[in-house]
C-alpha atoms as a PDB file:
ATOM      1  CA  MET A   1     131.662  98.987 -63.518  1.00  0.00           C
ATOM      2  CA  LYS A   2     134.320 101.650 -64.070  1.00  0.00           C
ATOM      3  CA  TYR A   3     137.775 100.931 -65.372  1.00  0.00           C
ATOM      4  CA  PHE A   4     140.783 102.997 -66.312  1.00  0.00           C
ATOM      5  CA  ILE A   5     143.085 102.966 -69.332  1.00  0.00           C
ATOM      6  CA  ASN A   6     146.621 104.272 -69.007  1.00  0.00           C
ATOM      7  CA  HIS A   7     149.234 105.095 -71.603  1.00  0.00           C
ATOM      8  CA  GLY A   8     152.822 104.016 -71.259  1.00  0.00           C
ATOM      9  CA  ILE A   9     154.020 100.868 -69.484  1.00  0.00           C
ATOM     10  CA  PRO A  10     157.601 100.323 -68.359  1.00  0.00           C
ATOM     11  CA  HIS A  11     159.279  97.329 -69.978  1.00  0.00           C
ATOM     12  CA  ARG A  12     160.564  95.930 -66.668  1.00  0.00           C
ATOM     13  CA  ILE A  13     157.694  94.176 -64.901  1.00  0.00           C
ATOM     14  CA  PHE A  14     157.693  92.047 -61.792  1.00  0.00           C
ATOM     15  CA  SER A  15     154.495  90.389 -60.599  1.00  0.00           C
ATOM     16  CA  ALA A  16     153.120  88.989 -57.376  1.00  0.00           C
ATOM     17  CA  LEU A  17     149.388  89.921 -57.503  1.00  0.00           C
ATOM     18  CA  PHE A  18     147.686  88.339 -54.460  1.00  0.00           C
ATOM     19  CA  PRO A  19     148.856  85.772 -54.689  1.00  0.00           C
ATOM     20  CA  ILE A  20     150.567  87.276 -57.718  1.00  0.00           C
ATOM     21  CA  LEU A  21     150.753  91.027 -57.162  1.00  0.00           C
ATOM     22  CA  LEU A  22     151.852  93.315 -59.944  1.00  0.00           C
ATOM     23  CA  VAL A  23     154.565  95.614 -58.644  1.00  0.00           C
ATOM     24  CA  ALA A  24     156.915  98.235 -60.055  1.00  0.00           C
ATOM     25  CA  LEU A  25     154.162  99.495 -62.364  1.00  0.00           C
ATOM     26  CA  ALA A  26     154.709 103.238 -62.683  1.00  0.00           C
ATOM     27  CA  LEU A  27     152.367 104.477 -65.396  1.00  0.00           C
ATOM     28  CA  THR A  28     153.042 107.695 -67.285  1.00  0.00           C
ATOM     29  CA  GLY A  29     150.517 109.671 -69.262  1.00  0.00           C
ATOM     30  CA  CYS A  30     150.833 111.054 -72.783  1.00  0.00           C
ATOM     31  CA  SER A  31     148.340 112.024 -75.430  1.00  0.00           C
ATOM     32  CA  THR A  32     149.749 110.056 -78.380  1.00  0.00           C
ATOM     33  CA  PRO A  33     152.032 107.354 -76.998  1.00  0.00           C
ATOM     34  CA  PRO A  34     154.403 105.402 -79.233  1.00  0.00           C
ATOM     35  CA  LYS A  35     153.120 101.889 -79.780  1.00  0.00           C
ATOM     36  CA  ASN A  36     156.039 100.315 -77.931  1.00  0.00           C
ATOM     37  CA  GLU A  37     155.030 102.110 -74.716  1.00  0.00           C
ATOM     38  CA  GLY A  38     151.770 100.219 -74.645  1.00  0.00           C
ATOM     39  CA  LEU A  39     148.408 100.615 -72.936  1.00  0.00           C
ATOM     40  CA  SER A  40     147.099  99.405 -69.594  1.00  0.00           C
ATOM     41  CA  ALA A  41     143.568  99.020 -68.267  1.00  0.00           C
ATOM     42  CA  THR A  42     142.492  98.206 -64.719  1.00  0.00           C
ATOM     43  CA  GLY A  43     139.046  97.259 -63.431  1.00  0.00           C
ATOM     44  CA  PHE A  44     137.370  95.250 -60.684  1.00  0.00           C
ATOM     45  CA  TYR A  45     135.457  92.101 -61.570  1.00  0.00           C
ATOM     46  CA  PHE A  46     134.890  88.699 -59.940  1.00  0.00           C
ATOM     47  CA  ASP A  47     135.865  90.252 -56.575  1.00  0.00           C
ATOM     48  CA  THR A  48     139.389  90.870 -57.799  1.00  0.00           C
ATOM     49  CA  VAL A  49     141.490  93.459 -59.608  1.00  0.00           C
ATOM     50  CA  VAL A  50     141.738  92.831 -63.351  1.00  0.00           C
ATOM     51  CA  THR A  51     144.742  94.320 -65.134  1.00  0.00           C
ATOM     52  CA  LEU A  52     145.488  94.160 -68.841  1.00  0.00           C
ATOM     53  CA  GLN A  53     148.616  95.502 -70.494  1.00  0.00           C
ATOM     54  CA  VAL A  54     149.330  95.425 -74.211  1.00  0.00           C
ATOM     55  CA  TRP A  55     152.215  96.603 -76.337  1.00  0.00           C
ATOM     56  CA  GLY A  56     152.402  97.302 -80.070  1.00  0.00           C
ATOM     57  CA  THR A  57     149.168  99.297 -80.270  1.00  0.00           C
ATOM     58  CA  ASN A  58     147.648 102.577 -79.090  1.00  0.00           C
ATOM     59  CA  ASP A  59     144.076 101.521 -79.939  1.00  0.00           C
ATOM     60  CA  GLU A  60     142.146 101.984 -76.702  1.00  0.00           C
ATOM     61  CA  GLU A  61     139.090 100.231 -78.146  1.00  0.00           C
ATOM     62  CA  ILE A  62     140.890  96.891 -77.834  1.00  0.00           C
ATOM     63  CA  LEU A  63     141.101  97.243 -74.068  1.00  0.00           C
ATOM     64  CA  ASN A  64     137.610  98.730 -73.900  1.00  0.00           C
ATOM     65  CA  HIS A  65     136.317  95.559 -75.513  1.00  0.00           C
ATOM     66  CA  CYS A  66     138.281  93.382 -73.079  1.00  0.00           C
ATOM     67  CA  MET A  67     136.607  95.093 -70.154  1.00  0.00           C
ATOM     68  CA  LYS A  68     133.210  94.650 -71.794  1.00  0.00           C
ATOM     69  CA  LEU A  69     133.977  90.951 -72.089  1.00  0.00           C
ATOM     70  CA  CYS A  70     134.782  90.843 -68.372  1.00  0.00           C
ATOM     71  CA  THR A  71     131.391  92.369 -67.602  1.00  0.00           C
ATOM     72  CA  GLN A  72     129.601  89.917 -69.894  1.00  0.00           C
ATOM     73  CA  TYR A  73     131.304  86.879 -68.381  1.00  0.00           C
ATOM     74  CA  GLU A  74     130.667  88.073 -64.849  1.00  0.00           C
ATOM     75  CA  GLN A  75     126.972  88.497 -65.651  1.00  0.00           C
ATOM     76  CA  LYS A  76     126.831  84.881 -66.871  1.00  0.00           C
ATOM     77  CA  LEU A  77     129.130  83.003 -64.498  1.00  0.00           C
ATOM     78  CA  SER A  78     128.681  84.688 -61.120  1.00  0.00           C
ATOM     79  CA  ARG A  79     126.894  82.676 -58.444  1.00  0.00           C
ATOM     80  CA  THR A  80     125.753  85.805 -56.610  1.00  0.00           C
ATOM     81  CA  ILE A  81     124.485  88.077 -59.394  1.00  0.00           C
ATOM     82  CA  GLU A  82     120.742  87.612 -59.673  1.00  0.00           C
ATOM     83  CA  GLY A  83     119.727  86.593 -63.186  1.00  0.00           C
ATOM     84  CA  SER A  84     123.116  85.167 -64.179  1.00  0.00           C
ATOM     85  CA  ASP A  85     123.166  81.741 -65.786  1.00  0.00           C
ATOM     86  CA  ILE A  86     124.590  80.170 -62.643  1.00  0.00           C
ATOM     87  CA  TRP A  87     122.159  82.001 -60.351  1.00  0.00           C
ATOM     88  CA  ASN A  88     119.274  80.779 -62.521  1.00  0.00           C
ATOM     89  CA  ILE A  89     120.477  77.165 -62.381  1.00  0.00           C
ATOM     90  CA  ASN A  90     120.941  77.278 -58.613  1.00  0.00           C
ATOM     91  CA  HIS A  91     117.466  78.725 -58.058  1.00  0.00           C
ATOM     92  CA  ALA A  92     115.571  76.530 -60.527  1.00  0.00           C
ATOM     93  CA  GLN A  93     114.673  73.922 -57.867  1.00  0.00           C
ATOM     94  CA  GLY A  94     115.800  71.124 -60.151  1.00  0.00           C
ATOM     95  CA  ASN A  95     114.071  72.389 -63.284  1.00  0.00           C
ATOM     96  CA  PRO A  96     116.045  72.609 -66.553  1.00  0.00           C
ATOM     97  CA  VAL A  97     117.612  75.970 -67.421  1.00  0.00           C
ATOM     98  CA  THR A  98     118.833  77.160 -70.805  1.00  0.00           C
ATOM     99  CA  VAL A  99     122.186  78.945 -70.643  1.00  0.00           C
ATOM    100  CA  SER A 100     124.778  80.497 -72.957  1.00  0.00           C
ATOM    101  CA  ASP A 101     127.429  78.635 -74.922  1.00  0.00           C
ATOM    102  CA  GLU A 102     130.116  80.182 -72.709  1.00  0.00           C
ATOM    103  CA  THR A 103     128.477  78.919 -69.533  1.00  0.00           C
ATOM    104  CA  ILE A 104     128.277  75.416 -71.010  1.00  0.00           C
ATOM    105  CA  GLN A 105     131.976  75.557 -71.867  1.00  0.00           C
ATOM    106  CA  VAL A 106     132.932  76.479 -68.293  1.00  0.00           C
ATOM    107  CA  LEU A 107     130.598  73.901 -66.799  1.00  0.00           C
ATOM    108  CA  GLU A 108     132.018  71.170 -69.022  1.00  0.00           C
ATOM    109  CA  ALA A 109     135.554  72.190 -68.087  1.00  0.00           C
ATOM    110  CA  GLY A 110     134.632  72.135 -64.415  1.00  0.00           C
ATOM    111  CA  LEU A 111     133.056  68.710 -64.740  1.00  0.00           C
ATOM    112  CA  SER A 112     136.172  67.379 -66.455  1.00  0.00           C
ATOM    113  CA  TYR A 113     138.346  68.477 -63.496  1.00  0.00           C
ATOM    114  CA  SER A 114     135.759  67.045 -61.103  1.00  0.00           C
ATOM    115  CA  GLN A 115     135.953  63.684 -62.850  1.00  0.00           C
ATOM    116  CA  LEU A 116     139.735  63.762 -63.176  1.00  0.00           C
ATOM    117  CA  SER A 117     140.133  64.447 -59.461  1.00  0.00           C
ATOM    118  CA  GLU A 118     137.424  61.967 -58.441  1.00  0.00           C
ATOM    119  CA  GLY A 119     135.506  64.762 -56.765  1.00  0.00           C
ATOM    120  CA  ARG A 120     138.327  66.523 -54.918  1.00  0.00           C
ATOM    121  CA  PHE A 121     137.529  69.454 -57.196  1.00  0.00           C
ATOM    122  CA  ASP A 122     133.746  69.793 -57.358  1.00  0.00           C
ATOM    123  CA  ILE A 123     131.803  72.574 -59.054  1.00  0.00           C
ATOM    124  CA  THR A 124     128.814  71.913 -56.761  1.00  0.00           C
ATOM    125  CA  ILE A 125     130.822  72.971 -53.688  1.00  0.00           C
ATOM    126  CA  ALA A 126     128.521  75.988 -53.204  1.00  0.00           C
ATOM    127  CA  PRO A 127     126.471  74.591 -50.275  1.00  0.00           C
ATOM    128  CA  LEU A 128     129.669  74.188 -48.253  1.00  0.00           C
ATOM    129  CA  SER A 129     131.180  77.466 -49.468  1.00  0.00           C
ATOM    130  CA  ILE A 130     128.053  79.347 -48.426  1.00  0.00           C
ATOM    131  CA  LEU A 131     127.968  77.617 -45.041  1.00  0.00           C
ATOM    132  CA  TRP A 132     131.608  78.371 -44.176  1.00  0.00           C
ATOM    133  CA  ASP A 133     131.616  81.855 -45.790  1.00  0.00           C
ATOM    134  CA  ILE A 134     135.354  82.107 -45.224  1.00  0.00           C
ATOM    135  CA  ASP A 135     135.555  85.671 -46.601  1.00  0.00           C
ATOM    136  CA  ASN A 136     133.302  87.009 -43.857  1.00  0.00           C
ATOM    137  CA  ASN A 137     133.678  84.364 -41.163  1.00  0.00           C
ATOM    138  CA  PRO A 138     134.840  85.903 -37.849  1.00  0.00           C
ATOM    139  CA  GLY A 139     136.044  82.507 -36.629  1.00  0.00           C
ATOM    140  CA  THR A 140     132.918  80.400 -36.311  1.00  0.00           C
ATOM    141  CA  ILE A 141     133.096  76.692 -37.141  1.00  0.00           C
ATOM    142  CA  PRO A 142     129.718  75.480 -38.417  1.00  0.00           C
ATOM    143  CA  GLU A 143     127.803  72.848 -36.501  1.00  0.00           C
ATOM    144  CA  GLN A 144     128.594  69.291 -37.576  1.00  0.00           C
ATOM    145  CA  SER A 145     124.955  68.671 -38.494  1.00  0.00           C
ATOM    146  CA  ALA A 146     124.986  71.713 -40.793  1.00  0.00           C
ATOM    147  CA  ILE A 147     128.227  70.564 -42.415  1.00  0.00           C
ATOM    148  CA  GLU A 148     126.801  67.111 -43.057  1.00  0.00           C
ATOM    149  CA  GLU A 149     123.611  68.574 -44.516  1.00  0.00           C
ATOM    150  CA  ALA A 150     125.549  70.854 -46.883  1.00  0.00           C
ATOM    151  CA  ARG A 151     127.986  68.099 -47.804  1.00  0.00           C
ATOM    152  CA  SER A 152     125.130  65.788 -48.786  1.00  0.00           C
ATOM    153  CA  HIS A 153     124.311  68.163 -51.654  1.00  0.00           C
ATOM    154  CA  VAL A 154     127.852  68.386 -53.040  1.00  0.00           C
ATOM    155  CA  ASN A 155     128.089  65.974 -55.954  1.00  0.00           C
ATOM    156  CA  TYR A 156     129.155  67.037 -59.436  1.00  0.00           C
ATOM    157  CA  GLN A 157     127.261  64.068 -60.897  1.00  0.00           C
ATOM    158  CA  THR A 158     124.004  65.891 -60.163  1.00  0.00           C
ATOM    159  CA  VAL A 159     124.868  68.352 -62.970  1.00  0.00           C
ATOM    160  CA  GLN A 160     123.237  67.151 -66.179  1.00  0.00           C
ATOM    161  CA  ILE A 161     123.918  68.921 -69.486  1.00  0.00           C
ATOM    162  CA  SER A 162     121.983  68.421 -72.707  1.00  0.00           C
ATOM    163  CA  GLY A 163     122.888  70.900 -75.427  1.00  0.00           C
ATOM    164  CA  ASN A 164     122.493  74.289 -73.763  1.00  0.00           C
ATOM    165  CA  THR A 165     120.169  72.988 -71.046  1.00  0.00           C
ATOM    166  CA  VAL A 166     121.449  72.389 -67.517  1.00  0.00           C
ATOM    167  CA  THR A 167     119.590  70.503 -64.820  1.00  0.00           C
ATOM    168  CA  LEU A 168     120.525  69.869 -61.206  1.00  0.00           C
ATOM    169  CA  THR A 169     119.030  66.488 -60.323  1.00  0.00           C
ATOM    170  CA  ASP A 170     119.373  67.466 -56.659  1.00  0.00           C
ATOM    171  CA  PRO A 171     117.214  70.596 -56.209  1.00  0.00           C
ATOM    172  CA  ASN A 172     119.305  71.590 -53.175  1.00  0.00           C
ATOM    173  CA  ALA A 173     122.619  71.391 -55.018  1.00  0.00           C
ATOM    174  CA  ALA A 174     124.300  74.600 -56.168  1.00  0.00           C
ATOM    175  CA  ILE A 175     127.112  75.405 -58.567  1.00  0.00           C
ATOM    176  CA  ASP A 176     130.051  77.674 -57.799  1.00  0.00           C
ATOM    177  CA  LEU A 177     132.436  78.350 -60.704  1.00  0.00           C
ATOM    178  CA  GLY A 178     134.735  80.553 -58.633  1.00  0.00           C
ATOM    179  CA  GLY A 179     137.397  77.852 -58.848  1.00  0.00           C
ATOM    180  CA  ILE A 180     137.793  78.079 -62.633  1.00  0.00           C
ATOM    181  CA  ALA A 181     135.915  81.105 -63.983  1.00  0.00           C
ATOM    182  CA  LYS A 182     138.888  83.473 -63.808  1.00  0.00           C
ATOM    183  CA  GLY A 183     141.090  81.058 -65.715  1.00  0.00           C
ATOM    184  CA  TYR A 184     138.487  80.612 -68.421  1.00  0.00           C
ATOM    185  CA  ILE A 185     138.008  84.361 -68.779  1.00  0.00           C
ATOM    186  CA  ALA A 186     141.755  85.004 -68.898  1.00  0.00           C
ATOM    187  CA  ASP A 187     142.010  82.483 -71.736  1.00  0.00           C
ATOM    188  CA  GLN A 188     139.195  84.198 -73.633  1.00  0.00           C
ATOM    189  CA  LEU A 189     140.846  87.605 -73.228  1.00  0.00           C
ATOM    190  CA  LYS A 190     144.099  86.173 -74.546  1.00  0.00           C
ATOM    191  CA  ALA A 191     142.331  84.673 -77.568  1.00  0.00           C
ATOM    192  CA  TYR A 192     140.654  87.995 -78.349  1.00  0.00           C
ATOM    193  CA  LEU A 193     143.897  89.978 -78.053  1.00  0.00           C
ATOM    194  CA  LYS A 194     145.712  87.567 -80.335  1.00  0.00           C
ATOM    195  CA  ASP A 195     142.876  87.868 -82.865  1.00  0.00           C
ATOM    196  CA  GLN A 196     143.494  91.628 -82.787  1.00  0.00           C
ATOM    197  CA  GLY A 197     147.126  91.084 -83.722  1.00  0.00           C
ATOM    198  CA  ILE A 198     148.561  91.676 -80.247  1.00  0.00           C
ATOM    199  CA  GLU A 199     151.906  89.875 -79.874  1.00  0.00           C
ATOM    200  CA  HIS A 200     153.002  91.197 -76.458  1.00  0.00           C
ATOM    201  CA  ALA A 201     150.566  91.362 -73.550  1.00  0.00           C
ATOM    202  CA  TRP A 202     150.012  90.713 -69.859  1.00  0.00           C
ATOM    203  CA  ILE A 203     146.669  89.701 -68.371  1.00  0.00           C
ATOM    204  CA  SER A 204     146.113  89.456 -64.615  1.00  0.00           C
ATOM    205  CA  LEU A 205     142.983  88.306 -62.786  1.00  0.00           C
ATOM    206  CA  GLY A 206     143.954  87.933 -59.158  1.00  0.00           C
ATOM    207  CA  GLY A 207     146.017  84.756 -58.901  1.00  0.00           C
ATOM    208  CA  ASN A 208     145.842  84.163 -62.658  1.00  0.00           C
ATOM    209  CA  VAL A 209     148.499  85.734 -64.861  1.00  0.00           C
ATOM    210  CA  VAL A 210     148.550  85.061 -68.601  1.00  0.00           C
ATOM    211  CA  THR A 211     151.210  86.306 -70.982  1.00  0.00           C
ATOM    212  CA  ILE A 212     151.141  86.700 -74.746  1.00  0.00           C
ATOM    213  CA  GLY A 213     154.590  86.318 -76.276  1.00  0.00           C
ATOM    214  CA  THR A 214     157.415  88.165 -74.563  1.00  0.00           C
ATOM    215  CA  LYS A 215     157.984  91.681 -73.323  1.00  0.00           C
ATOM    216  CA  ILE A 216     158.358  94.218 -76.120  1.00  0.00           C
ATOM    217  CA  ASP A 217     162.159  93.950 -75.951  1.00  0.00           C
ATOM    218  CA  GLY A 218     162.010  90.187 -76.526  1.00  0.00           C
ATOM    219  CA  SER A 219     162.865  89.163 -72.978  1.00  0.00           C
ATOM    220  CA  PRO A 220     160.623  86.854 -70.905  1.00  0.00           C
ATOM    221  CA  PHE A 221     158.145  88.183 -68.394  1.00  0.00           C
ATOM    222  CA  ARG A 222     159.308  87.858 -64.780  1.00  0.00           C
ATOM    223  CA  ILE A 223     156.731  86.675 -62.300  1.00  0.00           C
ATOM    224  CA  GLY A 224     157.192  86.607 -58.552  1.00  0.00           C
ATOM    225  CA  ILE A 225     155.380  83.965 -56.534  1.00  0.00           C
ATOM    226  CA  GLN A 226     153.961  85.322 -53.292  1.00  0.00           C
ATOM    227  CA  LYS A 227     155.450  83.940 -50.084  1.00  0.00           C
ATOM    228  CA  PRO A 228     152.581  82.441 -48.050  1.00  0.00           C
ATOM    229  CA  PHE A 229     151.425  84.466 -45.044  1.00  0.00           C
ATOM    230  CA  ALA A 230     154.032  87.171 -45.765  1.00  0.00           C
ATOM    231  CA  GLU A 231     153.368  90.801 -46.606  1.00  0.00           C
ATOM    232  CA  GLU A 232     152.127  91.472 -50.123  1.00  0.00           C
ATOM    233  CA  ASN A 233     154.881  91.817 -52.736  1.00  0.00           C
ATOM    234  CA  THR A 234     157.112  89.407 -50.799  1.00  0.00           C
ATOM    235  CA  ALA A 235     158.240  86.817 -53.319  1.00  0.00           C
ATOM    236  CA  ILE A 236     159.442  83.365 -52.343  1.00  0.00           C
ATOM    237  CA  THR A 237     160.772  82.737 -55.866  1.00  0.00           C
ATOM    238  CA  THR A 238     160.532  84.119 -59.392  1.00  0.00           C
ATOM    239  CA  LEU A 239     159.814  82.639 -62.797  1.00  0.00           C
ATOM    240  CA  GLU A 240     160.575  83.718 -66.354  1.00  0.00           C
ATOM    241  CA  VAL A 241     157.723  82.878 -68.720  1.00  0.00           C
ATOM    242  CA  THR A 242     156.857  83.387 -72.370  1.00  0.00           C
ATOM    243  CA  ASP A 243     153.351  82.933 -73.775  1.00  0.00           C
ATOM    244  CA  GLN A 244     152.220  80.965 -70.719  1.00  0.00           C
ATOM    245  CA  SER A 245     149.729  81.024 -67.882  1.00  0.00           C
ATOM    246  CA  VAL A 246     150.857  81.124 -64.266  1.00  0.00           C
ATOM    247  CA  VAL A 247     148.222  80.394 -61.618  1.00  0.00           C
ATOM    248  CA  SER A 248     148.958  80.475 -57.898  1.00  0.00           C
ATOM    249  CA  SER A 249     146.608  79.294 -55.193  1.00  0.00           C
ATOM    250  CA  GLY A 250     147.099  78.653 -51.518  1.00  0.00           C
ATOM    251  CA  ILE A 251     145.553  78.251 -48.118  1.00  0.00           C
ATOM    252  CA  TYR A 252     146.927  81.682 -47.159  1.00  0.00           C
ATOM    253  CA  GLU A 253     144.647  83.560 -49.564  1.00  0.00           C
ATOM    254  CA  ARG A 254     141.414  83.421 -47.563  1.00  0.00           C
ATOM    255  CA  TYR A 255     141.271  81.935 -44.109  1.00  0.00           C
ATOM    256  CA  PHE A 256     140.660  82.445 -40.422  1.00  0.00           C
ATOM    257  CA  GLU A 257     142.522  80.984 -37.475  1.00  0.00           C
ATOM    258  CA  LYS A 258     140.981  79.501 -34.361  1.00  0.00           C
ATOM    259  CA  ASP A 259     142.690  77.698 -31.485  1.00  0.00           C
ATOM    260  CA  GLY A 260     145.922  77.636 -33.451  1.00  0.00           C
ATOM    261  CA  LYS A 261     144.350  75.940 -36.502  1.00  0.00           C
ATOM    262  CA  ILE A 262     143.913  77.509 -39.941  1.00  0.00           C
ATOM    263  CA  TYR A 263     140.528  77.173 -41.623  1.00  0.00           C
ATOM    264  CA  HIS A 264     140.938  78.100 -45.288  1.00  0.00           C
ATOM    265  CA  HIS A 265     138.715  78.420 -48.355  1.00  0.00           C
ATOM    266  CA  ILE A 266     139.705  75.216 -50.157  1.00  0.00           C
ATOM    267  CA  LEU A 267     137.058  72.833 -48.891  1.00  0.00           C
ATOM    268  CA  ASP A 268     137.134  69.037 -49.038  1.00  0.00           C
ATOM    269  CA  PRO A 269     133.835  67.632 -50.377  1.00  0.00           C
ATOM    270  CA  ALA A 270     134.567  64.332 -48.618  1.00  0.00           C
ATOM    271  CA  THR A 271     134.673  65.842 -45.122  1.00  0.00           C
ATOM    272  CA  GLY A 272     132.960  69.202 -45.445  1.00  0.00           C
ATOM    273  CA  TYR A 273     135.938  70.897 -43.796  1.00  0.00           C
ATOM    274  CA  PRO A 274     138.907  72.786 -45.275  1.00  0.00           C
ATOM    275  CA  CYS A 275     141.170  70.190 -46.844  1.00  0.00           C
ATOM    276  CA  GLU A 276     144.004  68.812 -44.737  1.00  0.00           C
ATOM    277  CA  THR A 277     147.242  69.384 -46.637  1.00  0.00           C
ATOM    278  CA  ASP A 278     150.962  69.743 -46.097  1.00  0.00           C
ATOM    279  CA  LEU A 279     151.005  72.487 -48.729  1.00  0.00           C
ATOM    280  CA  TYR A 280     150.780  76.228 -48.243  1.00  0.00           C
ATOM    281  CA  GLY A 281     150.577  76.973 -51.940  1.00  0.00           C
ATOM    282  CA  VAL A 282     150.766  75.633 -55.489  1.00  0.00           C
ATOM    283  CA  THR A 283     151.725  77.434 -58.684  1.00  0.00           C
ATOM    284  CA  ILE A 284     150.765  75.883 -62.023  1.00  0.00           C
ATOM    285  CA  LEU A 285     152.423  76.710 -65.344  1.00  0.00           C
ATOM    286  CA  SER A 286     150.380  75.801 -68.393  1.00  0.00           C
ATOM    287  CA  LYS A 287     149.202  77.017 -71.760  1.00  0.00           C
ATOM    288  CA  LYS A 288     145.613  77.431 -70.579  1.00  0.00           C
ATOM    289  CA  SER A 289     144.825  79.386 -67.437  1.00  0.00           C
ATOM    290  CA  VAL A 290     141.684  77.367 -66.781  1.00  0.00           C
ATOM    291  CA  ASP A 291     143.954  74.323 -66.379  1.00  0.00           C
ATOM    292  CA  GLY A 292     145.936  76.236 -63.796  1.00  0.00           C
ATOM    293  CA  ASP A 293     142.768  76.858 -61.805  1.00  0.00           C
ATOM    294  CA  GLY A 294     141.643  73.253 -61.812  1.00  0.00           C
ATOM    295  CA  TYR A 295     145.033  71.659 -61.226  1.00  0.00           C
ATOM    296  CA  SER A 296     146.081  74.030 -58.436  1.00  0.00           C
ATOM    297  CA  THR A 297     142.986  73.151 -56.393  1.00  0.00           C
ATOM    298  CA  ILE A 298     143.440  69.446 -57.046  1.00  0.00           C
ATOM    299  CA  CYS A 299     147.104  69.544 -56.023  1.00  0.00           C
ATOM    300  CA  LEU A 300     146.420  71.460 -52.824  1.00  0.00           C
ATOM    301  CA  SER A 301     143.922  68.816 -51.780  1.00  0.00           C
ATOM    302  CA  LEU A 302     146.254  65.942 -52.723  1.00  0.00           C
ATOM    303  CA  GLY A 303     149.277  67.245 -50.841  1.00  0.00           C
ATOM    304  CA  LEU A 304     152.903  67.192 -51.937  1.00  0.00           C
ATOM    305  CA  LYS A 305     153.555  63.511 -52.650  1.00  0.00           C
ATOM    306  CA  GLU A 306     150.354  62.727 -54.530  1.00  0.00           C
ATOM    307  CA  GLY A 307     150.229  66.202 -56.071  1.00  0.00           C
ATOM    308  CA  LEU A 308     153.678  65.793 -57.630  1.00  0.00           C
ATOM    309  CA  LYS A 309     152.739  62.357 -58.913  1.00  0.00           C
ATOM    310  CA  PHE A 310     149.531  63.760 -60.399  1.00  0.00           C
ATOM    311  CA  ILE A 311     151.195  66.721 -62.134  1.00  0.00           C
ATOM    312  CA  ASN A 312     154.017  64.606 -63.577  1.00  0.00           C
ATOM    313  CA  GLN A 313     151.355  62.528 -65.318  1.00  0.00           C
ATOM    314  CA  GLN A 314     149.827  65.561 -67.076  1.00  0.00           C
ATOM    315  CA  ASP A 315     151.098  66.662 -70.491  1.00  0.00           C
ATOM    316  CA  GLY A 316     152.227  70.280 -70.743  1.00  0.00           C
ATOM    317  CA  ILE A 317     151.592  71.071 -67.081  1.00  0.00           C
ATOM    318  CA  GLU A 318     154.297  72.014 -64.571  1.00  0.00           C
ATOM    319  CA  ALA A 319     154.055  73.028 -60.931  1.00  0.00           C
ATOM    320  CA  ILE A 320     155.868  74.514 -57.971  1.00  0.00           C
ATOM    321  CA  PHE A 321     154.741  73.331 -54.531  1.00  0.00           C
ATOM    322  CA  ILE A 322     155.321  75.288 -51.327  1.00  0.00           C
ATOM    323  CA  THR A 323     155.201  73.065 -48.264  1.00  0.00           C
ATOM    324  CA  SER A 324     154.417  74.218 -44.745  1.00  0.00           C
ATOM    325  CA  ASP A 325     158.153  74.488 -44.006  1.00  0.00           C
ATOM    326  CA  TYR A 326     158.415  77.019 -46.895  1.00  0.00           C
ATOM    327  CA  LYS A 327     160.503  74.664 -49.023  1.00  0.00           C
ATOM    328  CA  LEU A 328     159.972  74.644 -52.785  1.00  0.00           C
ATOM    329  CA  HIS A 329     159.331  71.431 -54.694  1.00  0.00           C
ATOM    330  CA  TYR A 330     159.299  71.278 -58.490  1.00  0.00           C
ATOM    331  CA  SER A 331     157.591  69.009 -60.996  1.00  0.00           C
ATOM    332  CA  ASP A 332     159.879  67.056 -63.306  1.00  0.00           C
ATOM    333  CA  GLY A 333     159.920  69.668 -66.060  1.00  0.00           C
ATOM    334  CA  LEU A 334     161.036  72.418 -63.670  1.00  0.00           C
ATOM    335  CA  LYS A 335     163.633  70.581 -61.605  1.00  0.00           C
ATOM    336  CA  ASP A 336     166.443  72.555 -63.237  1.00  0.00           C
ATOM    337  CA  LEU A 337     165.107  75.615 -61.351  1.00  0.00           C
ATOM    338  CA  ASN A 338     165.826  73.998 -57.990  1.00  0.00           C
END
């Protein structure tokens, strides 16, 4: 995996990288940049562009290490990389598999969201995800019998953890951590950067953006939320955040359309089909990016009314909901933005 480090980052940043795309990022090169100009590194992991930007240092090794961490996590958490922890679990035919501490942490987080949502979020969604293959699907709806067969193996309660040993009690079940892995990794990158004394930084993994502190001039980071189904870099609203995570997810990210109906990547374990929702997108503001991953999926499946009720019951979590009429709806802690 190749990645690139750049010197010099402008202090004015606006983001809307699919669904939150970083824009207005004109990088300039210099051999010995002042620390306040910062460093930026860009790579490709987890099927998405990863961008890190730090201010207050010109030590390239910090970003080098961040990219090494991305590689390490991808090699453990990917469902499709042969030999990863998740690949080994899914191909163990029900036998116990010993995995890393990090994999256990992500699995336990995923199981907590699965329990909290009563299975609307389910880390064993892989049989359905593989069947629908939304990323490559030309518009084919699977046979009902195939959907029912795949759905019968989606049940987070089949994941049994004992220490660092993981067992799938259903040999045909399979884990997919794509719904929370990026959030977990973003949180780990933030923790590492803070340990290195970084006080101003920006971390982006696709729809996950995490900030450390403020911009170097003390002002908040400005984040643009992508307008569903619009051209990239088209923001429906903007947020100012400091030392927070912003995670956006929506049915417009990956989908195909057939006979006037949208079939998207957020699948309902109860039906085996893409979830029926009155929402186009959800943006979660939280301290931890992994929370943003879990809660955004849960809210999309719940819909506006139940999603708002759910978020308003969570401590330290706020949300913006985009309904199918492109109206914005705010959780209680953000209503002053409306």
